[in-house]
N, C-alpha and C. Protein backbone atom coordinates (compact mmCIF):
# COMPACT_ATOMS: atom_id res chain seq x y z
N MET A 1 0.38 -1.48 0.13
CA MET A 1 0.16 -0.11 0.06
C MET A 1 1.04 1.24 0.32
N ILE A 2 1.55 1.77 0.63
CA ILE A 2 2.79 2.46 0.63
C ILE A 2 3.35 2.71 -0.45
N GLN A 3 3.99 1.40 -0.38
CA GLN A 3 5.68 1.41 -1.11
C GLN A 3 5.15 2.02 -3.31
N ARG A 4 3.60 1.72 -3.07
CA ARG A 4 2.87 2.27 -4.02
C ARG A 4 2.72 3.65 -4.57
N ILE A 5 3.61 4.10 -5.73
CA ILE A 5 3.30 5.34 -6.47
C ILE A 5 1.78 5.97 -6.49
N GLN A 6 0.85 4.84 -6.70
CA GLN A 6 0.00 6.38 -6.60
C GLN A 6 -0.60 6.11 -5.33
N THR A 7 -0.43 6.01 -3.73
CA THR A 7 -0.18 6.23 -2.92
C THR A 7 0.32 7.41 -1.99
N PHE A 8 1.10 7.82 -3.08
CA PHE A 8 1.95 9.09 -3.11
C PHE A 8 1.59 10.35 -4.19
N TYR A 9 1.24 9.72 -4.90
CA TYR A 9 -0.04 11.10 -5.56
C TYR A 9 -1.03 11.23 -5.03
N LEU A 10 -2.08 10.11 -4.61
CA LEU A 10 -2.92 10.44 -3.72
C LEU A 10 -3.10 11.20 -2.47
N LEU A 11 -1.96 10.89 -1.57
CA LEU A 11 -1.53 11.03 -0.54
C LEU A 11 -0.96 13.53 -0.64
N ILE A 12 -0.78 13.04 -1.95
CA ILE A 12 -0.47 14.62 -2.10
C ILE A 12 -1.49 15.47 -2.65
N VAL A 13 -2.72 14.32 -3.47
CA VAL A 13 -3.86 15.11 -3.45
C VAL A 13 -4.65 15.65 -2.27
N GLY A 14 -4.81 14.91 -1.31
CA GLY A 14 -5.02 14.74 0.24
C GLY A 14 -4.09 16.12 1.11
N LEU A 15 -3.21 16.44 0.42
CA LEU A 15 -2.74 17.85 1.51
C LEU A 15 -2.75 18.40 0.74
N ILE A 16 -2.67 19.07 -0.65
CA ILE A 16 -3.17 19.78 -1.55
C ILE A 16 -4.75 20.41 -1.05
N SER A 17 -5.58 19.70 -0.75
CA SER A 17 -7.28 19.96 -1.03
C SER A 17 -7.52 20.01 0.24
N GLY A 18 -6.53 19.33 1.38
CA GLY A 18 -7.35 19.55 2.48
C GLY A 18 -6.09 20.68 3.30
N VAL A 19 -5.37 21.42 2.95
CA VAL A 19 -4.45 22.25 3.90
C VAL A 19 -4.57 23.48 2.86
N LEU A 20 -3.94 23.53 1.79
CA LEU A 20 -3.79 24.84 1.27
C LEU A 20 -5.13 26.30 0.66
N PRO A 21 -6.22 25.53 0.80
CA PRO A 21 -7.00 26.35 0.73
C PRO A 21 -7.58 27.42 1.82
N PHE A 22 -7.08 26.60 2.92
CA PHE A 22 -7.41 27.93 3.74
C PHE A 22 -6.18 28.57 4.29
N PHE A 23 -4.83 28.43 3.51
CA PHE A 23 -3.94 29.05 3.82
C PHE A 23 -3.74 29.94 2.29
N LEU A 24 -4.36 29.96 1.47
CA LEU A 24 -3.92 30.69 -0.11
C LEU A 24 -5.25 30.91 -0.42
N ASN A 25 -5.12 32.16 -0.76
CA ASN A 25 -6.72 32.96 -1.10
C ASN A 25 -6.73 32.42 -2.32
N LEU A 26 -8.66 32.49 -2.39
CA LEU A 26 -9.12 32.18 -3.50
C LEU A 26 -9.74 33.18 -4.60
N TRP A 27 -8.89 34.52 -4.34
CA TRP A 27 -9.78 35.71 -4.43
C TRP A 27 -9.72 36.50 -4.16
N VAL A 28 -9.87 37.81 -4.22
CA VAL A 28 -9.72 39.06 -3.79
C VAL A 28 -11.38 39.84 -4.02
N GLU A 29 -12.25 40.08 -2.89
CA GLU A 29 -13.25 41.09 -3.31
C GLU A 29 -12.81 42.88 -3.33
N VAL A 30 -13.66 43.01 -3.96
CA VAL A 30 -13.44 44.78 -4.19
C VAL A 30 -13.01 45.39 -3.04
N GLY A 31 -12.99 45.24 -1.68
CA GLY A 31 -13.20 46.28 -0.90
C GLY A 31 -11.89 45.60 -0.11
N GLY A 32 -10.71 45.03 -1.12
CA GLY A 32 -9.78 44.61 -0.56
C GLY A 32 -9.15 43.29 0.75
N LYS A 33 -11.29 42.35 0.67
CA LYS A 33 -10.93 41.54 1.84
C LYS A 33 -10.95 40.81 1.41
N GLU A 34 -9.38 39.66 1.41
CA GLU A 34 -9.45 38.28 0.75
C GLU A 34 -10.39 37.17 1.52
N VAL A 35 -10.40 35.99 0.05
CA VAL A 35 -11.69 34.99 0.46
C VAL A 35 -10.50 34.09 0.63
N PHE A 36 -10.90 33.14 1.65
CA PHE A 36 -10.18 31.41 1.80
C PHE A 36 -11.99 31.15 1.51
N ALA A 37 -11.62 29.63 1.29
CA ALA A 37 -11.99 28.78 1.47
C ALA A 37 -13.01 28.19 2.86
N GLN A 38 -12.40 28.79 3.94
CA GLN A 38 -13.82 28.56 5.04
C GLN A 38 -14.81 29.86 5.08
N ASP A 39 -14.30 30.43 4.71
CA ASP A 39 -14.75 31.93 4.22
C ASP A 39 -16.61 31.79 3.45
N GLU A 40 -16.71 30.60 2.10
CA GLU A 40 -17.75 30.10 1.87
C GLU A 40 -17.40 28.56 1.89
N VAL A 41 -18.86 28.59 2.38
CA VAL A 41 -19.46 26.90 3.03
C VAL A 41 -18.87 26.00 2.35
N MET A 42 -19.90 26.12 1.42
CA MET A 42 -19.94 25.01 0.10
C MET A 42 -18.21 24.97 -0.67
N ILE A 43 -17.69 25.92 -1.07
CA ILE A 43 -16.36 25.84 -1.23
C ILE A 43 -15.92 25.14 -0.34
N SER A 44 -15.82 25.10 1.06
CA SER A 44 -14.89 24.75 1.32
C SER A 44 -15.34 22.90 2.25
N LEU A 45 -16.89 22.59 2.33
CA LEU A 45 -17.47 21.22 2.46
C LEU A 45 -16.77 20.48 0.77
N VAL A 46 -16.49 20.85 -0.27
CA VAL A 46 -16.18 20.21 -1.09
C VAL A 46 -14.47 20.21 -1.31
N PHE A 47 -13.69 20.56 -0.83
CA PHE A 47 -12.51 20.86 -0.58
C PHE A 47 -12.37 19.58 0.35
N TYR A 48 -13.29 19.68 1.53
CA TYR A 48 -13.09 18.19 2.35
C TYR A 48 -13.27 17.11 1.48
N VAL A 49 -14.38 16.69 0.57
CA VAL A 49 -15.21 15.96 0.00
C VAL A 49 -14.45 15.19 -1.08
N VAL A 50 -13.38 16.18 -1.78
CA VAL A 50 -11.88 15.50 -2.56
C VAL A 50 -11.15 15.19 -1.86
N THR A 51 -10.81 15.87 -0.44
CA THR A 51 -9.51 15.36 0.81
C THR A 51 -10.42 13.48 1.15
N VAL A 52 -11.68 13.57 1.31
CA VAL A 52 -11.95 12.73 1.75
C VAL A 52 -11.83 11.42 1.02
N LEU A 53 -12.00 11.92 -0.15
CA LEU A 53 -12.11 10.92 -1.29
C LEU A 53 -10.53 10.16 -1.64
N ALA A 54 -9.70 11.18 -1.54
CA ALA A 54 -8.30 10.79 -1.72
C ALA A 54 -7.87 10.00 -0.46
N VAL A 55 -8.13 10.53 0.72
CA VAL A 55 -7.95 9.40 1.88
C VAL A 55 -8.79 7.67 1.42
N VAL A 56 -10.13 7.30 0.59
CA VAL A 56 -10.85 6.12 1.15
C VAL A 56 -10.19 5.73 -0.23
N SER A 57 -9.69 6.30 -0.96
CA SER A 57 -9.02 5.76 -2.56
C SER A 57 -7.47 5.21 -2.07
N ILE A 58 -7.04 5.88 -1.28
CA ILE A 58 -6.00 5.08 -0.37
C ILE A 58 -5.93 3.99 0.25
N LEU A 59 -6.81 3.61 1.66
CA LEU A 59 -7.32 2.76 1.94
C LEU A 59 -8.14 1.56 0.74
N MET A 60 -8.63 2.28 -0.30
CA MET A 60 -9.15 0.88 -1.31
C MET A 60 -7.68 0.03 -2.51
N TYR A 61 -6.29 -0.12 -1.35
CA TYR A 61 -5.39 -0.74 -2.29
C TYR A 61 -5.83 -2.04 -3.24
N LYS A 62 -6.38 -3.42 -2.37
CA LYS A 62 -6.84 -4.22 -2.23
C LYS A 62 -7.64 -3.88 -3.64
N LYS A 63 -8.72 -3.39 -3.72
CA LYS A 63 -9.14 -2.89 -5.07
C LYS A 63 -8.80 -1.89 -6.15
N ARG A 64 -8.35 -2.41 -7.16
CA ARG A 64 -8.17 -1.44 -7.90
C ARG A 64 -9.00 -1.12 -8.64
N GLN A 65 -9.92 -1.78 -9.67
CA GLN A 65 -11.03 -1.01 -10.01
C GLN A 65 -11.62 -0.03 -9.33
N ASN A 66 -12.20 -0.24 -7.86
CA ASN A 66 -12.60 0.48 -7.05
C ASN A 66 -11.92 1.66 -6.99
N GLN A 67 -10.72 1.46 -6.83
CA GLN A 67 -10.09 2.73 -6.48
C GLN A 67 -9.83 3.97 -7.04
N PHE A 68 -9.68 3.07 -9.10
CA PHE A 68 -9.77 4.14 -10.46
C PHE A 68 -11.19 4.29 -10.31
N VAL A 69 -12.14 3.97 -9.88
CA VAL A 69 -13.64 4.86 -9.77
C VAL A 69 -13.86 6.06 -8.75
N VAL A 70 -13.07 5.79 -7.93
CA VAL A 70 -13.17 6.88 -6.74
C VAL A 70 -12.18 8.04 -7.85
N ASN A 71 -11.25 7.64 -7.86
CA ASN A 71 -9.84 8.60 -8.19
C ASN A 71 -11.55 9.38 -9.56
N ARG A 72 -11.90 8.53 -10.57
CA ARG A 72 -12.78 9.39 -11.17
C ARG A 72 -13.02 10.07 -11.52
N LEU A 73 -14.68 9.46 -10.23
CA LEU A 73 -15.25 10.41 -9.26
C LEU A 73 -15.11 12.19 -8.53
N ASN A 74 -13.24 12.04 -8.13
CA ASN A 74 -12.43 12.86 -7.11
C ASN A 74 -12.35 13.89 -8.17
N ILE A 75 -12.06 13.11 -10.01
CA ILE A 75 -11.66 14.20 -10.81
C ILE A 75 -12.92 15.28 -11.38
N ILE A 76 -13.71 14.43 -11.50
CA ILE A 76 -15.69 15.37 -11.91
C ILE A 76 -15.56 16.23 -10.45
N LEU A 77 -15.59 15.84 -9.67
CA LEU A 77 -15.34 16.75 -8.99
C LEU A 77 -14.86 17.77 -8.68
N ASN A 78 -13.40 17.70 -8.86
CA ASN A 78 -12.30 19.31 -8.89
C ASN A 78 -12.55 19.31 -10.28
N LEU A 79 -13.16 19.12 -11.23
CA LEU A 79 -13.97 19.84 -12.46
C LEU A 79 -14.96 20.73 -11.97
N PHE A 80 -16.07 20.03 -11.47
CA PHE A 80 -16.20 21.49 -10.69
C PHE A 80 -16.64 22.43 -10.16
N LEU A 81 -15.60 22.32 -9.37
CA LEU A 81 -15.01 23.31 -8.42
C LEU A 81 -14.53 23.43 -9.60
N LEU A 82 -13.11 23.18 -10.47
CA LEU A 82 -12.78 23.96 -11.32
C LEU A 82 -13.68 25.53 -12.03
N GLY A 83 -14.79 24.85 -12.47
CA GLY A 83 -15.67 25.57 -13.24
C GLY A 83 -16.16 26.40 -11.90
N PHE A 84 -16.30 26.21 -11.69
CA PHE A 84 -17.09 27.17 -10.29
C PHE A 84 -15.86 28.80 -10.43
N PHE A 85 -14.83 27.75 -9.98
CA PHE A 85 -13.33 29.21 -9.82
C PHE A 85 -13.84 30.10 -11.51
N VAL A 86 -13.59 29.33 -12.51
CA VAL A 86 -13.50 30.03 -13.93
C VAL A 86 -14.79 30.89 -13.46
N TYR A 87 -15.84 30.53 -13.43
CA TYR A 87 -17.45 31.15 -13.51
C TYR A 87 -16.94 32.76 -12.39
N ARG A 88 -16.55 32.38 -11.38
CA ARG A 88 -16.69 33.44 -10.40
C ARG A 88 -15.50 34.21 -10.69
N SER A 89 -14.46 33.91 -11.69
CA SER A 89 -13.21 34.50 -11.97
C SER A 89 -13.49 35.69 -13.09
N LEU A 90 -15.04 34.88 -14.07
CA LEU A 90 -14.67 36.02 -14.69
C LEU A 90 -15.89 37.19 -14.58
N SER A 91 -16.73 36.85 -13.63
CA SER A 91 -17.51 37.96 -12.61
C SER A 91 -17.09 38.17 -11.94
N LEU A 92 -15.71 38.23 -11.76
CA LEU A 92 -15.25 39.64 -10.68
C LEU A 92 -15.04 40.49 -11.62
N SER A 93 -15.40 41.98 -10.92
CA SER A 93 -15.26 42.94 -11.35
C SER A 93 -13.82 43.24 -11.45
N GLY A 94 -13.53 44.21 -12.66
CA GLY A 94 -11.97 44.49 -12.53
C GLY A 94 -11.04 43.16 -13.73
N GLY A 95 -11.54 42.65 -13.78
CA GLY A 95 -10.58 41.63 -14.64
C GLY A 95 -9.78 41.51 -15.00
N THR A 96 -9.44 42.58 -16.58
CA THR A 96 -8.35 43.33 -16.82
C THR A 96 -7.77 43.88 -16.47
N VAL A 97 -8.12 45.11 -15.56
CA VAL A 97 -7.41 46.08 -15.29
C VAL A 97 -6.66 45.98 -13.73
N VAL A 98 -6.77 44.83 -13.30
CA VAL A 98 -6.64 45.00 -11.84
C VAL A 98 -6.65 43.41 -12.08
N SER A 99 -5.55 42.23 -10.87
CA SER A 99 -5.78 40.28 -11.01
C SER A 99 -6.70 40.61 -9.52
N GLU A 100 -7.59 39.95 -9.37
CA GLU A 100 -8.31 40.12 -8.21
C GLU A 100 -8.33 38.56 -8.05
N LYS A 101 -7.71 37.60 -9.01
CA LYS A 101 -7.74 36.18 -8.35
C LYS A 101 -6.93 35.61 -7.93
N GLY A 102 -6.92 35.02 -7.15
CA GLY A 102 -6.18 34.20 -6.14
C GLY A 102 -5.71 32.75 -6.52
N ILE A 103 -4.23 32.64 -5.63
CA ILE A 103 -3.45 31.40 -6.33
C ILE A 103 -4.36 30.40 -5.74
N GLY A 104 -5.16 30.63 -4.79
CA GLY A 104 -5.88 29.55 -4.25
C GLY A 104 -6.64 28.81 -5.82
N MET A 105 -7.44 29.29 -6.21
CA MET A 105 -8.22 29.07 -7.49
C MET A 105 -7.33 27.75 -8.61
N LEU A 106 -5.88 27.93 -8.32
CA LEU A 106 -5.16 26.01 -9.34
C LEU A 106 -5.57 25.23 -8.47
N ILE A 107 -5.83 24.93 -7.43
CA ILE A 107 -5.43 23.68 -6.71
C ILE A 107 -6.13 22.91 -7.09
N PRO A 108 -7.53 22.81 -7.30
CA PRO A 108 -8.08 22.13 -8.26
C PRO A 108 -7.79 21.44 -9.54
N VAL A 109 -6.45 22.38 -10.52
CA VAL A 109 -5.72 21.94 -11.60
C VAL A 109 -4.71 21.32 -10.83
N PHE A 110 -4.20 21.41 -10.09
CA PHE A 110 -2.82 20.38 -9.34
C PHE A 110 -3.43 19.23 -8.57
N SER A 111 -4.96 19.37 -7.89
CA SER A 111 -5.19 18.11 -7.84
C SER A 111 -5.63 17.30 -8.83
N ILE A 112 -6.17 17.63 -10.02
CA ILE A 112 -6.44 16.63 -11.46
C ILE A 112 -5.10 16.06 -11.55
N VAL A 113 -4.02 16.75 -11.73
CA VAL A 113 -3.14 16.77 -12.38
C VAL A 113 -2.60 15.05 -11.48
N PHE A 114 -2.42 15.48 -9.46
CA PHE A 114 -1.83 13.98 -9.43
C PHE A 114 -3.34 12.67 -9.49
N LEU A 115 -4.27 13.07 -9.74
CA LEU A 115 -5.01 12.52 -9.91
C LEU A 115 -4.93 11.37 -11.10
N VAL A 116 -4.58 12.14 -12.07
CA VAL A 116 -4.43 11.38 -13.27
C VAL A 116 -3.40 10.69 -13.39
N LEU A 117 -2.38 10.98 -12.46
CA LEU A 117 -0.92 10.03 -12.56
C LEU A 117 -1.83 8.84 -11.37
N ALA A 118 -2.45 9.27 -10.28
CA ALA A 118 -2.39 8.40 -9.65
C ALA A 118 -3.25 7.06 -10.58
N ASN A 119 -4.01 7.61 -11.18
CA ASN A 119 -5.42 6.45 -12.23
C ASN A 119 -4.20 5.53 -13.44
N ARG A 120 -3.36 6.26 -13.80
CA ARG A 120 -2.17 5.81 -14.44
C ARG A 120 -1.58 4.43 -13.70
N ALA A 121 -0.93 5.53 -12.87
CA ALA A 121 -0.14 4.31 -12.15
C ALA A 121 -1.46 2.84 -11.45
N ILE A 122 -2.12 2.80 -11.61
CA ILE A 122 -3.23 2.04 -11.11
C ILE A 122 -3.33 1.64 -12.38
N LYS A 123 -3.50 1.66 -13.33
CA LYS A 123 -3.76 1.45 -14.55
C LYS A 123 -2.99 -0.11 -14.98
N LYS A 124 -1.63 0.71 -14.63
CA LYS A 124 -0.27 0.77 -14.31
C LYS A 124 -0.23 -1.56 -13.91
N ASP A 125 -0.34 -0.84 -12.32
CA ASP A 125 -0.64 -2.17 -11.63
C ASP A 125 -1.23 -3.70 -12.18
N GLU A 126 -2.69 -2.62 -12.55
CA GLU A 126 -4.05 -3.50 -13.08
C GLU A 126 -3.25 -4.38 -14.26
N ASP A 127 -2.83 -4.24 -15.04
CA ASP A 127 -2.35 -4.62 -16.30
C ASP A 127 -1.60 -6.01 -15.78
N LEU A 128 -0.82 -5.14 -15.47
CA LEU A 128 0.60 -6.04 -14.53
C LEU A 128 0.01 -7.51 -13.88
N VAL A 129 -0.76 -7.04 -13.16
CA VAL A 129 -1.33 -8.20 -12.12
C VAL A 129 -2.10 -9.74 -13.25
N LYS A 130 -2.97 -8.46 -13.81
CA LYS A 130 -3.52 -9.75 -15.54
C LYS A 130 -2.05 -10.28 -16.61
N SER A 131 -1.24 -9.36 -15.96
CA SER A 131 -0.77 -9.96 -17.51
C SER A 131 0.17 -11.16 -16.09
N VAL A 132 0.57 -10.72 -15.51
CA VAL A 132 0.90 -12.59 -14.44
C VAL A 132 0.16 -13.58 -14.03
N ASP A 133 -1.14 -13.18 -14.02
CA ASP A 133 -2.32 -14.46 -14.39
C ASP A 133 -2.31 -14.86 -15.84
N ARG A 134 -2.01 -14.07 -16.96
CA ARG A 134 -2.17 -15.39 -17.54
C ARG A 134 -0.88 -16.53 -17.59
N LEU A 135 0.74 -16.23 -17.10
CA LEU A 135 1.19 -16.88 -17.19
C LEU A 135 0.63 -17.83 -16.61
N ARG A 136 0.42 -18.30 -15.31
CA ARG A 136 -0.03 -19.26 -14.59
C ARG A 136 -0.71 -19.56 -15.58
């Protein structure tokens, strides 16, 4: 479980989505107030769900197909979060004059990248197990 590379990738996803949104601002409102994930209940809830799904996927190391499906669900959830952030950034005032977007909006992008890498590693493990079963 721990020695597999997808566990490392999923651990990174859990740390990125569980810790960083609460320290990096998502956007800056007109009055100069920085908005973090804990200021928006639904956004923080989605980040918590992404973290829980990553941890659940780590614990499903014996069931690679289910782990693959949970990671895909996590990718879809991150895509919805990214879509919300894109919509929010396009609807912020002063889009071309002053950049009011925070670095925290990129967290779903990094999560998606590491989830795709984890799914590739899971697929590679599954192919290896199938090839060994053919030899028996």
